[in-house]
PDB file of N, CA and C in Angstrom:
ATOM      1  N   MET A   1      -8.082  -7.656   8.191  1.00  0.00           N
ATOM      2  CA  MET A   1      -7.307  -6.753   7.368  1.00  0.00           C
ATOM      3  C   MET A   1      -7.291  -5.375   8.023  1.00  0.00           C
ATOM      4  N   THR A   2      -6.165  -4.760   8.046  1.00  0.00           N
ATOM      5  CA  THR A   2      -6.062  -3.445   8.655  1.00  0.00           C
ATOM      6  C   THR A   2      -6.592  -2.382   7.690  1.00  0.00           C
ATOM      7  N   LEU A   3      -6.867  -1.232   8.232  1.00  0.00           N
ATOM      8  CA  LEU A   3      -7.374  -0.129   7.423  1.00  0.00           C
ATOM      9  C   LEU A   3      -6.344   0.286   6.375  1.00  0.00           C
ATOM     10  N   LYS A   4      -5.078   0.301   6.761  1.00  0.00           N
ATOM     11  CA  LYS A   4      -4.011   0.690   5.839  1.00  0.00           C
ATOM     12  C   LYS A   4      -3.914  -0.292   4.667  1.00  0.00           C
ATOM     13  N   ALA A   5      -3.995  -1.582   4.950  1.00  0.00           N
ATOM     14  CA  ALA A   5      -3.923  -2.602   3.900  1.00  0.00           C
ATOM     15  C   ALA A   5      -5.141  -2.509   2.984  1.00  0.00           C
ATOM     16  N   CYS A   6      -6.292  -2.244   3.552  1.00  0.00           N
ATOM     17  CA  CYS A   6      -7.521  -2.118   2.768  1.00  0.00           C
ATOM     18  C   CYS A   6      -7.438  -0.931   1.808  1.00  0.00           C
ATOM     19  N   LYS A   7      -6.945   0.196   2.290  1.00  0.00           N
ATOM     20  CA  LYS A   7      -6.801   1.381   1.445  1.00  0.00           C
ATOM     21  C   LYS A   7      -5.785   1.137   0.333  1.00  0.00           C
ATOM     22  N   LYS A   8      -4.716   0.407   0.651  1.00  0.00           N
ATOM     23  CA  LYS A   8      -3.702   0.097  -0.357  1.00  0.00           C
ATOM     24  C   LYS A   8      -4.292  -0.767  -1.464  1.00  0.00           C
ATOM     25  N   GLU A   9      -5.109  -1.766  -1.100  1.00  0.00           N
ATOM     26  CA  GLU A   9      -5.764  -2.617  -2.092  1.00  0.00           C
ATOM     27  C   GLU A   9      -6.726  -1.809  -2.959  1.00  0.00           C
ATOM     28  N   GLU A  10      -7.484  -0.917  -2.349  1.00  0.00           N
ATOM     29  CA  GLU A  10      -8.406  -0.073  -3.102  1.00  0.00           C
ATOM     30  C   GLU A  10      -7.648   0.796  -4.108  1.00  0.00           C
ATOM     31  N   LYS A  11      -6.508   1.335  -3.691  1.00  0.00           N
ATOM     32  CA  LYS A  11      -5.702   2.168  -4.578  1.00  0.00           C
ATOM     33  C   LYS A  11      -5.170   1.340  -5.755  1.00  0.00           C
ATOM     34  N   MET A  12      -4.710   0.124  -5.476  1.00  0.00           N
ATOM     35  CA  MET A  12      -4.217  -0.745  -6.538  1.00  0.00           C
ATOM     36  C   MET A  12      -5.344  -1.115  -7.509  1.00  0.00           C
ATOM     37  N   ASP A  13      -6.538  -1.359  -6.981  1.00  0.00           N
ATOM     38  CA  ASP A  13      -7.684  -1.689  -7.832  1.00  0.00           C
ATOM     39  C   ASP A  13      -8.068  -0.502  -8.718  1.00  0.00           C
ATOM     40  N   ARG A  14      -8.029   0.710  -8.180  1.00  0.00           N
ATOM     41  CA  ARG A  14      -8.338   1.898  -8.990  1.00  0.00           C
ATOM     42  C   ARG A  14      -7.297   2.088 -10.086  1.00  0.00           C
ATOM     43  N   GLY A  15      -6.028   1.841  -9.749  1.00  0.00           N
ATOM     44  CA  GLY A  15      -4.962   1.925 -10.749  1.00  0.00           C
ATOM     45  C   GLY A  15      -5.161   0.912 -11.858  1.00  0.00           C
ATOM     46  N   PHE A  16      -5.584  -0.292 -11.498  1.00  0.00           N
ATOM     47  CA  PHE A  16      -5.878  -1.327 -12.486  1.00  0.00           C
ATOM     48  C   PHE A  16      -7.003  -0.883 -13.404  1.00  0.00           C
ATOM     49  N   GLN A  17      -8.085  -0.374 -12.826  1.00  0.00           N
ATOM     50  CA  GLN A  17      -9.234   0.038 -13.626  1.00  0.00           C
ATOM     51  C   GLN A  17      -8.866   1.154 -14.595  1.00  0.00           C
ATOM     52  N   LYS A  18      -8.008   2.049 -14.181  1.00  0.00           N
ATOM     53  CA  LYS A  18      -7.586   3.148 -15.048  1.00  0.00           C
ATOM     54  C   LYS A  18      -6.662   2.636 -16.156  1.00  0.00           C
ATOM     55  N   LYS A  19      -5.695   1.817 -15.806  1.00  0.00           N
ATOM     56  CA  LYS A  19      -4.703   1.317 -16.771  1.00  0.00           C
ATOM     57  C   LYS A  19      -5.341   0.437 -17.841  1.00  0.00           C
ATOM     58  N   PHE A  20      -6.274  -0.434 -17.450  1.00  0.00           N
ATOM     59  CA  PHE A  20      -6.881  -1.374 -18.387  1.00  0.00           C
ATOM     60  C   PHE A  20      -8.263  -0.933 -18.876  1.00  0.00           C
ATOM     61  N   LYS A  21      -8.669   0.290 -18.508  1.00  0.00           N
ATOM     62  CA  LYS A  21      -9.980   0.827 -18.886  1.00  0.00           C
ATOM     63  C   LYS A  21     -11.097  -0.168 -18.546  1.00  0.00           C
ATOM     64  N   PHE A  22     -11.035  -0.678 -17.326  1.00  0.00           N
ATOM     65  CA  PHE A  22     -11.982  -1.676 -16.835  1.00  0.00           C
ATOM     66  C   PHE A  22     -13.061  -0.959 -16.047  1.00  0.00           C
ATOM     67  N   GLU A  23     -14.305  -1.188 -16.408  1.00  0.00           N
ATOM     68  CA  GLU A  23     -15.420  -0.538 -15.716  1.00  0.00           C
ATOM     69  C   GLU A  23     -16.178  -1.552 -14.881  1.00  0.00           C
ATOM     70  N   GLY A  24     -16.742  -1.108 -13.802  1.00  0.00           N
ATOM     71  CA  GLY A  24     -17.510  -1.979 -12.936  1.00  0.00           C
ATOM     72  C   GLY A  24     -16.659  -2.537 -11.815  1.00  0.00           C
ATOM     73  N   SER A  25     -17.270  -3.438 -11.057  1.00  0.00           N
ATOM     74  CA  SER A  25     -16.544  -4.020  -9.936  1.00  0.00           C
ATOM     75  C   SER A  25     -15.668  -5.174 -10.429  1.00  0.00           C
ATOM     76  N   ILE A  26     -14.596  -5.408  -9.699  1.00  0.00           N
ATOM     77  CA  ILE A  26     -13.652  -6.464 -10.053  1.00  0.00           C
ATOM     78  C   ILE A  26     -14.137  -7.757  -9.407  1.00  0.00           C
ATOM     79  N   LYS A  27     -14.495  -8.729 -10.238  1.00  0.00           N
ATOM     80  CA  LYS A  27     -14.977 -10.016  -9.747  1.00  0.00           C
ATOM     81  C   LYS A  27     -14.112 -11.118 -10.328  1.00  0.00           C
ATOM     82  N   VAL A  28     -13.751 -12.057  -9.489  1.00  0.00           N
ATOM     83  CA  VAL A  28     -12.972 -13.207  -9.940  1.00  0.00           C
ATOM     84  C   VAL A  28     -13.931 -14.219 -10.560  1.00  0.00           C
ATOM     85  N   LEU A  29     -13.718 -14.547 -11.845  1.00  0.00           N
ATOM     86  CA  LEU A  29     -14.571 -15.499 -12.536  1.00  0.00           C
ATOM     87  C   LEU A  29     -14.196 -16.936 -12.182  1.00  0.00           C
ATOM     88  N   THR A  30     -12.902 -17.207 -12.167  1.00  0.00           N
ATOM     89  CA  THR A  30     -12.394 -18.537 -11.850  1.00  0.00           C
ATOM     90  C   THR A  30     -10.905 -18.433 -11.561  1.00  0.00           C
ATOM     91  N   GLN A  31     -10.311 -19.532 -11.199  1.00  0.00           N
ATOM     92  CA  GLN A  31      -8.864 -19.579 -11.022  1.00  0.00           C
ATOM     93  C   GLN A  31      -8.291 -20.559 -12.032  1.00  0.00           C
ATOM     94  N   MET A  32      -7.121 -20.226 -12.558  1.00  0.00           N
ATOM     95  CA  MET A  32      -6.446 -21.093 -13.510  1.00  0.00           C
ATOM     96  C   MET A  32      -4.973 -21.175 -13.128  1.00  0.00           C
ATOM     97  N   MET A  33      -4.326 -22.229 -13.619  1.00  0.00           N
ATOM     98  CA  MET A  33      -2.919 -22.445 -13.305  1.00  0.00           C
ATOM     99  C   MET A  33      -2.076 -22.290 -14.563  1.00  0.00           C
ATOM    100  N   VAL A  34      -0.892 -21.695 -14.395  1.00  0.00           N
ATOM    101  CA  VAL A  34       0.068 -21.592 -15.487  1.00  0.00           C
ATOM    102  C   VAL A  34       0.628 -22.993 -15.722  1.00  0.00           C
ATOM    103  N   ASP A  35       0.678 -23.407 -16.973  1.00  0.00           N
ATOM    104  CA  ASP A  35       1.163 -24.732 -17.352  1.00  0.00           C
ATOM    105  C   ASP A  35       2.550 -24.990 -16.734  1.00  0.00           C
ATOM    106  N   PRO A  36       2.710 -26.078 -15.957  1.00  0.00           N
ATOM    107  CA  PRO A  36       4.012 -26.379 -15.358  1.00  0.00           C
ATOM    108  C   PRO A  36       5.116 -26.613 -16.395  1.00  0.00           C
ATOM    109  N   ALA A  37       4.744 -26.975 -17.618  1.00  0.00           N
ATOM    110  CA  ALA A  37       5.731 -27.199 -18.676  1.00  0.00           C
ATOM    111  C   ALA A  37       6.120 -25.907 -19.395  1.00  0.00           C
ATOM    112  N   ALA A  38       5.418 -24.830 -19.099  1.00  0.00           N
ATOM    113  CA  ALA A  38       5.705 -23.553 -19.764  1.00  0.00           C
ATOM    114  C   ALA A  38       7.005 -22.960 -19.221  1.00  0.00           C
ATOM    115  N   THR A  39       7.650 -22.162 -20.048  1.00  0.00           N
ATOM    116  CA  THR A  39       8.863 -21.488 -19.598  1.00  0.00           C
ATOM    117  C   THR A  39       8.481 -20.227 -18.830  1.00  0.00           C
ATOM    118  N   GLU A  40       9.349 -19.798 -17.943  1.00  0.00           N
ATOM    119  CA  GLU A  40       9.094 -18.583 -17.164  1.00  0.00           C
ATOM    120  C   GLU A  40       9.129 -17.387 -18.096  1.00  0.00           C
ATOM    121  N   LYS A  41       8.135 -16.512 -17.985  1.00  0.00           N
ATOM    122  CA  LYS A  41       8.045 -15.353 -18.869  1.00  0.00           C
ATOM    123  C   LYS A  41       8.116 -14.074 -18.060  1.00  0.00           C
ATOM    124  N   ARG A  42       8.853 -13.128 -18.614  1.00  0.00           N
ATOM    125  CA  ARG A  42       8.926 -11.806 -17.996  1.00  0.00           C
ATOM    126  C   ARG A  42       7.721 -10.991 -18.442  1.00  0.00           C
ATOM    127  N   GLY A  43       7.276 -10.124 -17.577  1.00  0.00           N
ATOM    128  CA  GLY A  43       6.138  -9.274 -17.892  1.00  0.00           C
ATOM    129  C   GLY A  43       6.546  -8.110 -18.774  1.00  0.00           C
ATOM    130  N   GLY A  44       5.548  -7.489 -19.346  1.00  0.00           N
ATOM    131  CA  GLY A  44       5.787  -6.310 -20.158  1.00  0.00           C
ATOM    132  C   GLY A  44       4.964  -5.162 -19.625  1.00  0.00           C
ATOM    133  N   ALA A  45       4.584  -4.268 -20.515  1.00  0.00           N
ATOM    134  CA  ALA A  45       3.802  -3.097 -20.114  1.00  0.00           C
ATOM    135  C   ALA A  45       2.488  -3.507 -19.459  1.00  0.00           C
ATOM    136  N   LYS A  46       1.757  -4.403 -20.104  1.00  0.00           N
ATOM    137  CA  LYS A  46       0.469  -4.830 -19.563  1.00  0.00           C
ATOM    138  C   LYS A  46       0.409  -6.342 -19.363  1.00  0.00           C
ATOM    139  N   ASN A  47       1.531  -7.030 -19.514  1.00  0.00           N
ATOM    140  CA  ASN A  47       1.574  -8.480 -19.347  1.00  0.00           C
ATOM    141  C   ASN A  47       2.133  -8.850 -17.978  1.00  0.00           C
ATOM    142  N   LEU A  48       1.566  -9.905 -17.398  1.00  0.00           N
ATOM    143  CA  LEU A  48       2.032 -10.375 -16.099  1.00  0.00           C
ATOM    144  C   LEU A  48       3.263 -11.257 -16.261  1.00  0.00           C
ATOM    145  N   PRO A  49       4.240 -11.133 -15.361  1.00  0.00           N
ATOM    146  CA  PRO A  49       5.332 -12.108 -15.360  1.00  0.00           C
ATOM    147  C   PRO A  49       4.786 -13.447 -14.847  1.00  0.00           C
ATOM    148  N   LEU A  50       5.190 -14.533 -15.469  1.00  0.00           N
ATOM    149  CA  LEU A  50       4.628 -15.838 -15.134  1.00  0.00           C
ATOM    150  C   LEU A  50       5.684 -16.805 -14.647  1.00  0.00           C
ATOM    151  N   ARG A  51       5.279 -17.654 -13.704  1.00  0.00           N
ATOM    152  CA  ARG A  51       6.106 -18.759 -13.240  1.00  0.00           C
ATOM    153  C   ARG A  51       5.308 -20.043 -13.435  1.00  0.00           C
ATOM    154  N   PRO A  52       5.935 -21.100 -13.920  1.00  0.00           N
ATOM    155  CA  PRO A  52       5.222 -22.374 -14.111  1.00  0.00           C
ATOM    156  C   PRO A  52       4.578 -22.858 -12.815  1.00  0.00           C
ATOM    157  N   GLY A  53       3.328 -23.319 -12.911  1.00  0.00           N
ATOM    158  CA  GLY A  53       2.600 -23.829 -11.757  1.00  0.00           C
ATOM    159  C   GLY A  53       1.907 -22.784 -10.909  1.00  0.00           C
ATOM    160  N   GLU A  54       2.046 -21.532 -11.257  1.00  0.00           N
ATOM    161  CA  GLU A  54       1.443 -20.434 -10.488  1.00  0.00           C
ATOM    162  C   GLU A  54      -0.073 -20.411 -10.712  1.00  0.00           C
ATOM    163  N   ILE A  55      -0.834 -20.112  -9.670  1.00  0.00           N
ATOM    164  CA  ILE A  55      -2.287 -20.030  -9.769  1.00  0.00           C
ATOM    165  C   ILE A  55      -2.694 -18.562  -9.823  1.00  0.00           C
ATOM    166  N   LEU A  56      -3.528 -18.228 -10.819  1.00  0.00           N
ATOM    167  CA  LEU A  56      -3.962 -16.854 -11.042  1.00  0.00           C
ATOM    168  C   LEU A  56      -5.481 -16.753 -10.986  1.00  0.00           C
ATOM    169  N   ASP A  57      -5.978 -15.596 -10.556  1.00  0.00           N
ATOM    170  CA  ASP A  57      -7.412 -15.303 -10.591  1.00  0.00           C
ATOM    171  C   ASP A  57      -7.753 -14.728 -11.955  1.00  0.00           C
ATOM    172  N   VAL A  58      -8.786 -15.259 -12.598  1.00  0.00           N
ATOM    173  CA  VAL A  58      -9.219 -14.750 -13.903  1.00  0.00           C
ATOM    174  C   VAL A  58     -10.253 -13.653 -13.673  1.00  0.00           C
ATOM    175  N   ILE A  59      -9.974 -12.467 -14.207  1.00  0.00           N
ATOM    176  CA  ILE A  59     -10.883 -11.329 -14.073  1.00  0.00           C
ATOM    177  C   ILE A  59     -11.776 -11.209 -15.304  1.00  0.00           C
ATOM    178  N   GLN A  60     -11.190 -11.441 -16.492  1.00  0.00           N
ATOM    179  CA  GLN A  60     -11.958 -11.283 -17.725  1.00  0.00           C
ATOM    180  C   GLN A  60     -11.315 -12.100 -18.845  1.00  0.00           C
ATOM    181  N   PHE A  61     -12.157 -12.803 -19.615  1.00  0.00           N
ATOM    182  CA  PHE A  61     -11.693 -13.474 -20.824  1.00  0.00           C
ATOM    183  C   PHE A  61     -11.781 -12.437 -21.940  1.00  0.00           C
ATOM    184  N   THR A  62     -10.662 -11.817 -22.300  1.00  0.00           N
ATOM    185  CA  THR A  62     -10.675 -10.667 -23.201  1.00  0.00           C
ATOM    186  C   THR A  62     -10.842 -11.051 -24.664  1.00  0.00           C
ATOM    187  N   ASN A  63     -10.065 -12.021 -25.147  1.00  0.00           N
ATOM    188  CA  ASN A  63     -10.187 -12.473 -26.537  1.00  0.00           C
ATOM    189  C   ASN A  63      -9.651 -13.888 -26.638  1.00  0.00           C
ATOM    190  N   GLN A  64      -9.466 -14.392 -27.868  1.00  0.00           N
ATOM    191  CA  GLN A  64      -9.033 -15.774 -28.054  1.00  0.00           C
ATOM    192  C   GLN A  64      -7.590 -15.997 -27.633  1.00  0.00           C
ATOM    193  N   GLU A  65      -6.765 -14.955 -27.567  1.00  0.00           N
ATOM    194  CA  GLU A  65      -5.351 -15.115 -27.248  1.00  0.00           C
ATOM    195  C   GLU A  65      -4.990 -14.770 -25.812  1.00  0.00           C
ATOM    196  N   GLN A  66      -5.763 -13.895 -25.155  1.00  0.00           N
ATOM    197  CA  GLN A  66      -5.360 -13.396 -23.844  1.00  0.00           C
ATOM    198  C   GLN A  66      -6.480 -13.448 -22.821  1.00  0.00           C
ATOM    199  N   ILE A  67      -6.047 -13.507 -21.561  1.00  0.00           N
ATOM    200  CA  ILE A  67      -6.954 -13.463 -20.412  1.00  0.00           C
ATOM    201  C   ILE A  67      -6.427 -12.383 -19.471  1.00  0.00           C
ATOM    202  N   LEU A  68      -7.312 -11.606 -18.905  1.00  0.00           N
ATOM    203  CA  LEU A  68      -6.929 -10.608 -17.907  1.00  0.00           C
ATOM    204  C   LEU A  68      -6.946 -11.290 -16.542  1.00  0.00           C
ATOM    205  N   CYS A  69      -5.789 -11.308 -15.868  1.00  0.00           N
ATOM    206  CA  CYS A  69      -5.643 -12.048 -14.618  1.00  0.00           C
ATOM    207  C   CYS A  69      -5.073 -11.177 -13.502  1.00  0.00           C
ATOM    208  N   ARG A  70      -5.167 -11.726 -12.280  1.00  0.00           N
ATOM    209  CA  ARG A  70      -4.611 -11.072 -11.096  1.00  0.00           C
ATOM    210  C   ARG A  70      -3.773 -12.099 -10.338  1.00  0.00           C
ATOM    211  N   LYS A  71      -2.599 -11.666  -9.913  1.00  0.00           N
ATOM    212  CA  LYS A  71      -1.746 -12.508  -9.076  1.00  0.00           C
ATOM    213  C   LYS A  71      -2.168 -12.352  -7.622  1.00  0.00           C
ATOM    214  N   SER A  72      -1.617 -13.182  -6.767  1.00  0.00           N
ATOM    215  CA  SER A  72      -1.960 -13.104  -5.345  1.00  0.00           C
ATOM    216  C   SER A  72      -1.489 -11.797  -4.708  1.00  0.00           C
ATOM    217  N   GLN A  73      -0.477 -11.134  -5.299  1.00  0.00           N
ATOM    218  CA  GLN A  73       0.011  -9.860  -4.768  1.00  0.00           C
ATOM    219  C   GLN A  73      -0.771  -8.672  -5.316  1.00  0.00           C
ATOM    220  N   ARG A  74      -1.936  -8.935  -5.916  1.00  0.00           N
ATOM    221  CA  ARG A  74      -2.824  -7.929  -6.501  1.00  0.00           C
ATOM    222  C   ARG A  74      -2.171  -7.196  -7.669  1.00  0.00           C
ATOM    223  N   ARG A  75      -1.339  -7.895  -8.416  1.00  0.00           N
ATOM    224  CA  ARG A  75      -0.792  -7.349  -9.653  1.00  0.00           C
ATOM    225  C   ARG A  75      -1.664  -7.871 -10.784  1.00  0.00           C
ATOM    226  N   TYR A  76      -2.008  -7.001 -11.713  1.00  0.00           N
ATOM    227  CA  TYR A  76      -2.909  -7.336 -12.806  1.00  0.00           C
ATOM    228  C   TYR A  76      -2.161  -7.314 -14.135  1.00  0.00           C
ATOM    229  N   GLY A  77      -2.670  -8.072 -15.107  1.00  0.00           N
ATOM    230  CA  GLY A  77      -2.084  -8.037 -16.431  1.00  0.00           C
ATOM    231  C   GLY A  77      -2.657  -9.124 -17.322  1.00  0.00           C
ATOM    232  N   TYR A  78      -2.235  -9.068 -18.583  1.00  0.00           N
ATOM    233  CA  TYR A  78      -2.686 -10.051 -19.554  1.00  0.00           C
ATOM    234  C   TYR A  78      -1.788 -11.279 -19.520  1.00  0.00           C
ATOM    235  N   VAL A  79      -2.407 -12.435 -19.777  1.00  0.00           N
ATOM    236  CA  VAL A  79      -1.703 -13.707 -19.816  1.00  0.00           C
ATOM    237  C   VAL A  79      -2.151 -14.439 -21.079  1.00  0.00           C
ATOM    238  N   PRO A  80      -1.220 -15.058 -21.831  1.00  0.00           N
ATOM    239  CA  PRO A  80      -1.624 -15.830 -23.014  1.00  0.00           C
ATOM    240  C   PRO A  80      -2.464 -17.044 -22.623  1.00  0.00           C
ATOM    241  N   ARG A  81      -3.550 -17.286 -23.347  1.00  0.00           N
ATOM    242  CA  ARG A  81      -4.407 -18.432 -23.064  1.00  0.00           C
ATOM    243  C   ARG A  81      -3.682 -19.752 -23.266  1.00  0.00           C
ATOM    244  N   ALA A  82      -2.689 -19.770 -24.151  1.00  0.00           N
ATOM    245  CA  ALA A  82      -1.991 -21.009 -24.488  1.00  0.00           C
ATOM    246  C   ALA A  82      -1.248 -21.611 -23.292  1.00  0.00           C
ATOM    247  N   VAL A  83      -0.876 -20.800 -22.312  1.00  0.00           N
ATOM    248  CA  VAL A  83      -0.126 -21.320 -21.158  1.00  0.00           C
ATOM    249  C   VAL A  83      -0.998 -21.548 -19.934  1.00  0.00           C
ATOM    250  N   MET A  84      -2.302 -21.371 -20.052  1.00  0.00           N
ATOM    251  CA  MET A  84      -3.204 -21.516 -18.907  1.00  0.00           C
ATOM    252  C   MET A  84      -3.931 -22.860 -18.934  1.00  0.00           C
ATOM    253  N   LEU A  85      -4.060 -23.460 -17.740  1.00  0.00           N
ATOM    254  CA  LEU A  85      -4.775 -24.725 -17.580  1.00  0.00           C
ATOM    255  C   LEU A  85      -5.879 -24.545 -16.537  1.00  0.00           C
ATOM    256  N   PRO A  86      -7.065 -25.132 -16.761  1.00  0.00           N
ATOM    257  CA  PRO A  86      -8.117 -25.033 -15.748  1.00  0.00           C
ATOM    258  C   PRO A  86      -7.759 -25.855 -14.516  1.00  0.00           C
ATOM    259  N   LEU A  87      -8.240 -25.443 -13.365  1.00  0.00           N
ATOM    260  CA  LEU A  87      -7.985 -26.199 -12.124  1.00  0.00           C
ATOM    261  C   LEU A  87      -8.993 -27.313 -11.978  1.00  0.00           C
TER     262      LEU A  87
END
């Protein structure tokens, strides 16, 4: 990884921590897949846009309805638990 790419990732991680009031280091708990039968969903203010069959990194199990996830492009947001399947 180049120095420029590393700094960009650090900046995105700091932005995530500020936006979601997340404290501590960002650790991936597990990976989950968006249900292939689910419809494509557009993202919102803090929600991730979803595509069926997409694999996401789980950062935090926030409550019974939502999970805080990260996409491969280092975009963060909430995802409904109902559309997530374990790998």
